[in-house]
Amino acid sequence: MSLSVPSSAERGADRRVGSICPGCGSSDVADGIRVSDHEYALNFVPRYKECVACGTLFQEPMPSLPELASFYPADYHSMSPGGLLSRIRNRMRIRRLAKLLTRDGAILDYGCGDGGFLVQAAAELPGRRFWGYEIADRAETIVLADGQVTIVKGEVADLFAALPACSLITLNHVIEHLPDPIAVVKELVQKLVPGGIFEGQTPAADSLERSVFGSHWSGYHAPRHTVVFSRKGLQSLLERAGLSAPAVQGAFNPASLAISLGSLSHSGPGRIHRSGLKWLCLLALGGVLGPIDLLSGRPGITDFVAQKDAV
């Protein structure tokens, strides 16, 4: 079984007119491939098209919100209480955000999961107000950490009705789950104060890891990842959404490599449990390979940051 990915040139004959890249907006799009769910064993197999201009990958047809919601099982990993490893990852993320907090205003974690990160951030960054958002069938507001954390569940309109001006908005492995990322990012930018920061972490379609693992690459996370940006495509989206000076750089994330490695045993849909000895072994191997991934210049996971223009 080949793990290589055909180049855009090799797939040039498969280009179709009518598709628009969510990253750069180009209509020069190749048909791409179908990818099975190697993590939660769903039988739905989406097709990912590839932008020839920037290399961004995206599902077509794009799932509706009800369809997308059905792709997340009850034990989805971001909705489960985290242990020691989660707290360590949270601390690394908090340190990254702390360096960007140069203005007053709320901090929004868009796609906050169970809110565990926000509670930990509130403890480590006292005096800051934190907000979180998760899509849900009904509107609900949850207040945690003695009022320092507010989580809004429901539609985006429910969030914007309550959310104050933000000094920083973070999307940690969220932007790749959005069916219409440009629309969401534009709305979020309106909530940033002048000079406010928009940041996050996401897989990179133009990575060495994808070239090695092909359809087994963890960055697809099929069918839950609707758009997987290339670095060029992500920079283009941030600029088109009204943000300035977008920067995209590699991030150390052994879990992504662990999922890629674990999926190799699946010829079709399969399940990977993020617990137990096998998972710890995969994480350890991912930790060993992580520095190589970063040094390649084409890391599988990237951090991004951009700024709203100051008035």
Protein backbone atom coordinates (compact mmCIF):
# COMPACT_ATOMS: atom_id res chain seq x y z
CA MET A 1 0.00 0.00 0.00
CA SER A 2 1.45 3.35 -1.02
CA LEU A 3 1.42 6.13 1.59
CA SER A 4 2.43 8.89 -0.83
CA VAL A 5 0.13 11.70 -1.98
CA PRO A 6 -0.11 12.42 -5.74
CA SER A 7 1.08 15.90 -6.62
CA SER A 8 -1.27 18.63 -7.85
CA ALA A 9 0.28 18.30 -11.30
CA GLU A 10 -0.44 14.56 -11.38
CA ARG A 11 -4.08 15.27 -10.58
CA GLY A 12 -4.41 18.16 -13.03
CA ALA A 13 -6.69 16.15 -15.30
CA ASP A 14 -9.17 15.79 -12.43
CA ARG A 15 -9.78 19.52 -11.96
CA ARG A 16 -13.41 20.61 -11.79
CA VAL A 17 -14.95 24.00 -12.45
CA GLY A 18 -17.29 25.48 -9.83
CA SER A 19 -15.50 24.66 -6.56
CA ILE A 20 -14.06 27.61 -4.61
CA CYS A 21 -11.13 27.25 -2.21
CA PRO A 22 -12.10 28.40 1.31
CA GLY A 23 -8.51 29.58 1.83
CA CYS A 24 -7.44 31.72 -1.10
CA GLY A 25 -10.72 31.86 -3.05
CA SER A 26 -9.30 30.24 -6.19
CA SER A 27 -11.54 28.16 -8.47
CA ASP A 28 -8.59 26.07 -9.72
CA VAL A 29 -9.42 22.91 -7.78
CA ALA A 30 -8.47 19.24 -8.14
CA ASP A 31 -10.77 16.37 -7.16
CA GLY A 32 -8.51 15.02 -4.42
CA ILE A 33 -9.26 11.81 -2.52
CA ARG A 34 -11.75 10.10 -0.21
CA VAL A 35 -10.66 9.58 3.40
CA SER A 36 -11.98 7.12 5.98
CA ASP A 37 -12.49 7.90 9.66
CA HIS A 38 -9.48 6.31 11.36
CA GLU A 39 -10.28 7.63 14.86
CA TYR A 40 -13.96 6.99 15.64
CA ALA A 41 -14.84 4.39 12.96
CA LEU A 42 -17.72 6.29 11.34
CA ASN A 43 -18.73 4.76 8.02
CA PHE A 44 -19.20 8.10 6.25
CA VAL A 45 -16.30 8.68 3.82
CA PRO A 46 -16.02 12.29 2.59
CA ARG A 47 -14.18 13.52 -0.48
CA TYR A 48 -11.51 16.17 -0.01
CA LYS A 49 -10.74 18.43 -2.92
CA GLU A 50 -7.45 20.28 -3.20
CA CYS A 51 -6.81 23.87 -4.27
CA VAL A 52 -4.17 23.90 -6.99
CA ALA A 53 -3.29 27.52 -6.23
CA CYS A 54 -2.55 27.22 -2.49
CA GLY A 55 -2.83 23.54 -1.55
CA THR A 56 -5.74 23.87 0.89
CA LEU A 57 -7.96 20.78 1.25
CA PHE A 58 -11.73 20.95 1.74
CA GLN A 59 -14.74 18.67 1.72
CA GLU A 60 -17.12 18.75 -1.20
CA PRO A 61 -19.97 18.56 -0.80
CA MET A 62 -19.60 20.49 2.43
CA PRO A 63 -21.66 18.93 5.25
CA SER A 64 -24.56 20.88 6.72
CA LEU A 65 -24.39 21.83 10.40
CA PRO A 66 -26.76 18.98 11.44
CA GLU A 67 -24.67 16.52 9.41
CA LEU A 68 -21.46 17.84 10.93
CA ALA A 69 -22.89 17.56 14.44
CA SER A 70 -23.67 13.89 13.81
CA PHE A 71 -19.96 13.19 13.17
CA TYR A 72 -19.04 13.79 16.83
CA PRO A 73 -19.62 10.80 19.15
CA ALA A 74 -20.53 11.27 22.80
CA ASP A 75 -16.97 10.34 23.85
CA TYR A 76 -15.27 12.80 21.48
CA HIS A 77 -11.90 13.62 23.01
CA SER A 78 -12.29 17.41 23.44
CA MET A 79 -15.48 16.90 25.47
CA SER A 80 -13.90 14.49 27.95
CA PRO A 81 -12.22 15.54 31.21
CA GLY A 82 -8.47 15.85 30.71
CA GLY A 83 -5.73 14.31 32.82
CA LEU A 84 -2.12 15.26 33.44
CA LEU A 85 -1.19 15.43 29.75
CA SER A 86 -4.11 17.78 29.07
CA ARG A 87 -3.04 20.07 31.89
CA ILE A 88 0.51 20.16 30.51
CA ARG A 89 -0.78 21.02 27.03
CA ASN A 90 -3.03 23.69 28.52
CA ARG A 91 -0.11 25.24 30.39
CA MET A 92 1.93 25.46 27.18
CA ARG A 93 -0.99 27.11 25.43
CA ILE A 94 -1.56 29.56 28.29
CA ARG A 95 2.08 30.61 28.17
CA ARG A 96 1.77 31.25 24.44
CA LEU A 97 -1.36 33.36 24.93
CA ALA A 98 0.13 35.32 27.85
CA LYS A 99 2.83 36.69 25.55
CA LEU A 100 0.13 38.11 23.25
CA LEU A 101 -1.96 39.83 25.93
CA THR A 102 -0.93 43.47 25.60
CA ARG A 103 -4.41 45.04 25.76
CA ASP A 104 -7.43 45.07 28.03
CA GLY A 105 -10.50 43.12 27.02
CA ALA A 106 -12.04 39.68 27.25
CA ILE A 107 -10.39 36.50 25.98
CA LEU A 108 -12.60 34.23 23.85
CA ASP A 109 -11.90 30.54 23.31
CA TYR A 110 -14.08 29.76 20.29
CA GLY A 111 -14.74 26.03 20.38
CA CYS A 112 -13.92 25.60 24.07
CA GLY A 113 -14.99 21.98 24.52
CA ASP A 114 -15.82 21.23 28.15
CA GLY A 115 -14.22 24.48 29.33
CA GLY A 116 -11.33 22.80 31.13
CA PHE A 117 -8.74 25.00 29.41
CA LEU A 118 -10.59 28.17 30.39
CA VAL A 119 -10.80 27.19 34.05
CA GLN A 120 -7.08 26.45 34.13
CA ALA A 121 -6.30 29.70 32.28
CA ALA A 122 -8.40 31.67 34.77
CA ALA A 123 -6.36 30.21 37.64
CA GLU A 124 -3.03 30.98 35.97
CA LEU A 125 -3.98 34.43 34.62
CA PRO A 126 -5.94 36.06 37.46
CA GLY A 127 -7.71 39.33 36.71
CA ARG A 128 -8.63 38.35 33.15
CA ARG A 129 -12.16 37.61 31.98
CA PHE A 130 -12.54 34.49 29.87
CA TRP A 131 -15.35 33.50 27.53
CA GLY A 132 -15.95 30.24 25.72
CA TYR A 133 -18.30 29.12 22.97
CA GLU A 134 -19.63 25.76 21.83
CA ILE A 135 -22.37 25.12 19.28
CA ALA A 136 -25.45 23.44 20.77
CA ASP A 137 -29.09 22.70 20.01
CA ARG A 138 -30.31 25.07 22.73
CA ALA A 139 -28.98 28.27 24.26
CA GLU A 140 -27.29 27.99 27.64
CA THR A 141 -24.88 30.14 29.65
CA ILE A 142 -22.54 28.55 32.20
CA VAL A 143 -20.49 30.57 34.69
CA LEU A 144 -17.38 28.97 36.23
CA ALA A 145 -14.29 29.89 38.25
CA ASP A 146 -16.09 32.35 40.56
CA GLY A 147 -17.38 34.33 37.60
CA GLN A 148 -14.05 34.61 35.77
CA VAL A 149 -15.23 32.20 33.04
CA THR A 150 -18.45 32.42 31.03
CA ILE A 151 -19.33 29.70 28.51
CA VAL A 152 -22.08 30.29 25.96
CA LYS A 153 -23.68 27.33 24.21
CA GLY A 154 -26.11 27.59 21.32
CA GLU A 155 -25.95 29.49 18.03
CA VAL A 156 -23.29 32.07 17.22
CA ALA A 157 -25.93 34.79 17.62
CA ASP A 158 -26.31 33.75 21.27
CA LEU A 159 -22.58 34.32 21.79
CA PHE A 160 -22.47 37.72 20.09
CA ALA A 161 -25.47 38.93 22.06
CA ALA A 162 -23.51 38.55 25.31
CA LEU A 163 -19.82 38.78 24.34
CA PRO A 164 -17.95 41.99 25.27
CA ALA A 165 -15.09 43.41 23.21
CA CYS A 166 -12.13 41.01 23.11
CA SER A 167 -8.41 41.65 23.30
CA LEU A 168 -7.71 38.12 22.08
CA ILE A 169 -9.68 35.41 20.29
CA THR A 170 -8.23 31.91 20.13
CA LEU A 171 -9.27 28.92 18.02
CA ASN A 172 -7.30 25.85 19.09
CA HIS A 173 -7.90 23.11 16.49
CA VAL A 174 -11.24 24.68 15.60
CA ILE A 175 -10.90 26.60 12.33
CA GLU A 176 -10.53 23.31 10.42
CA HIS A 177 -13.96 22.18 11.72
CA LEU A 178 -15.87 25.16 10.27
CA PRO A 179 -17.93 24.65 7.08
CA ASP A 180 -17.67 28.39 6.26
CA PRO A 181 -14.49 29.61 7.96
CA ILE A 182 -14.24 33.00 6.22
CA ALA A 183 -17.72 34.00 7.42
CA VAL A 184 -16.99 32.97 11.02
CA VAL A 185 -13.59 34.67 11.15
CA LYS A 186 -15.03 37.91 9.73
CA GLU A 187 -17.69 37.92 12.46
CA LEU A 188 -15.14 37.26 15.17
CA VAL A 189 -12.85 40.03 13.94
CA GLN A 190 -15.69 42.50 14.55
CA LYS A 191 -15.52 41.57 18.26
CA LEU A 192 -11.80 42.34 18.53
CA VAL A 193 -10.65 45.67 19.94
CA PRO A 194 -8.35 47.68 17.63
CA GLY A 195 -4.96 46.00 17.81
CA GLY A 196 -6.56 42.82 19.18
CA ILE A 197 -5.05 39.40 18.46
CA PHE A 198 -6.56 36.45 16.56
CA GLU A 199 -4.63 33.23 17.07
CA GLY A 200 -4.87 29.45 17.06
CA GLN A 201 -3.45 26.11 16.03
CA THR A 202 -4.43 23.91 13.09
CA PRO A 203 -3.08 21.13 10.81
CA ALA A 204 -1.11 22.11 7.70
CA ALA A 205 -2.10 20.51 4.39
CA ASP A 206 1.34 21.17 2.87
CA SER A 207 3.13 19.14 5.53
CA LEU A 208 5.75 16.41 5.38
CA GLU A 209 3.52 14.33 7.63
CA ARG A 210 0.72 14.32 5.04
CA SER A 211 3.20 13.40 2.29
CA VAL A 212 4.37 10.41 4.33
CA PHE A 213 1.03 9.13 5.68
CA GLY A 214 -1.32 10.05 2.81
CA SER A 215 -4.97 9.35 3.62
CA HIS A 216 -3.88 8.07 7.05
CA TRP A 217 -2.63 11.53 8.02
CA SER A 218 -4.23 12.72 11.26
CA GLY A 219 -4.82 16.21 9.83
CA TYR A 220 -7.77 14.94 7.79
CA HIS A 221 -9.60 13.83 10.96
CA ALA A 222 -12.32 12.79 8.53
CA PRO A 223 -15.15 13.57 8.42
CA ARG A 224 -14.92 16.23 11.18
CA HIS A 225 -12.31 18.44 9.52
CA THR A 226 -14.11 20.31 6.77
CA VAL A 227 -11.20 22.52 5.66
CA VAL A 228 -7.51 21.74 6.13
CA PHE A 229 -5.51 24.82 5.24
CA SER A 230 -2.08 25.02 3.72
CA ARG A 231 0.12 27.69 5.25
CA LYS A 232 -0.41 29.90 2.21
CA GLY A 233 -4.15 29.29 2.23
CA LEU A 234 -4.43 30.11 5.94
CA GLN A 235 -2.52 33.36 5.55
CA SER A 236 -4.79 34.29 2.65
CA LEU A 237 -7.95 33.58 4.66
CA LEU A 238 -6.79 35.70 7.60
CA GLU A 239 -6.02 38.61 5.29
CA ARG A 240 -9.34 38.29 3.46
CA ALA A 241 -11.10 38.36 6.84
CA GLY A 242 -9.60 41.77 7.63
CA LEU A 243 -6.56 40.83 9.73
CA SER A 244 -3.02 42.12 9.28
CA ALA A 245 0.46 40.61 9.46
CA PRO A 246 -0.62 36.94 9.63
CA ALA A 247 2.19 34.65 10.74
CA VAL A 248 2.14 30.86 10.50
CA GLN A 249 4.84 28.72 12.10
CA GLY A 250 5.39 25.12 13.08
CA ALA A 251 4.15 23.70 16.39
CA PHE A 252 5.22 20.68 18.43
CA ASN A 253 2.26 18.32 18.72
CA PRO A 254 3.17 14.65 19.24
CA ALA A 255 -0.52 13.65 19.48
CA SER A 256 -1.03 14.38 15.78
CA LEU A 257 1.86 12.11 14.87
CA ALA A 258 0.54 9.47 17.29
CA ILE A 259 -2.82 9.42 15.48
CA SER A 260 -1.13 9.16 12.07
CA LEU A 261 0.97 6.25 13.29
CA GLY A 262 -1.98 4.52 14.96
CA SER A 263 -4.14 4.77 11.86
CA LEU A 264 -1.71 2.76 9.74
CA SER A 265 -3.27 -0.47 11.01
CA HIS A 266 -6.65 0.51 9.52
CA SER A 267 -7.43 -0.34 5.91
CA GLY A 268 -10.77 1.47 6.30
CA PRO A 269 -12.68 3.03 9.20
CA GLY A 270 -11.02 2.29 12.54
CA ARG A 271 -10.87 3.37 16.17
CA ILE A 272 -8.00 4.88 18.14
CA HIS A 273 -8.45 5.15 21.91
CA ARG A 274 -6.59 8.06 23.49
CA SER A 275 -5.81 6.16 26.67
CA GLY A 276 -3.94 3.08 27.82
CA LEU A 277 -0.48 1.69 27.17
CA LYS A 278 -0.80 1.60 23.39
CA TRP A 279 -1.71 5.29 23.28
CA LEU A 280 1.21 6.20 25.55
CA CYS A 281 3.57 4.28 23.27
CA LEU A 282 2.22 6.10 20.21
CA LEU A 283 2.61 9.45 22.02
CA ALA A 284 6.20 8.58 22.96
CA LEU A 285 7.02 7.74 19.35
CA GLY A 286 5.31 10.95 18.24
CA GLY A 287 7.47 12.84 20.72
CA VAL A 288 10.61 11.32 19.22
CA LEU A 289 9.55 12.16 15.66
CA GLY A 290 8.25 15.64 16.56
CA PRO A 291 11.60 17.47 16.31
CA ILE A 292 12.22 15.90 12.89
CA ASP A 293 8.79 17.13 11.82
CA LEU A 294 9.64 20.68 12.93
CA LEU A 295 13.11 20.66 11.37
CA SER A 296 11.66 19.53 8.03
CA GLY A 297 10.28 23.03 7.44
CA ARG A 298 6.91 21.43 6.66
CA PRO A 299 5.42 20.61 10.09
CA GLY A 300 2.09 18.82 10.36
CA ILE A 301 0.71 21.30 12.90
CA THR A 302 1.03 25.10 12.79
CA ASP A 303 0.39 28.01 15.13
CA PHE A 304 -1.09 31.11 13.53
CA VAL A 305 -1.45 34.67 14.77
CA ALA A 306 -2.73 37.88 13.18
CA GLN A 307 -3.81 41.31 14.38
CA LYS A 308 -6.72 43.65 13.85
CA ASP A 309 -5.52 47.04 12.66
CA ALA A 310 -5.30 49.69 15.36
CA VAL A 311 -7.36 52.83 14.76
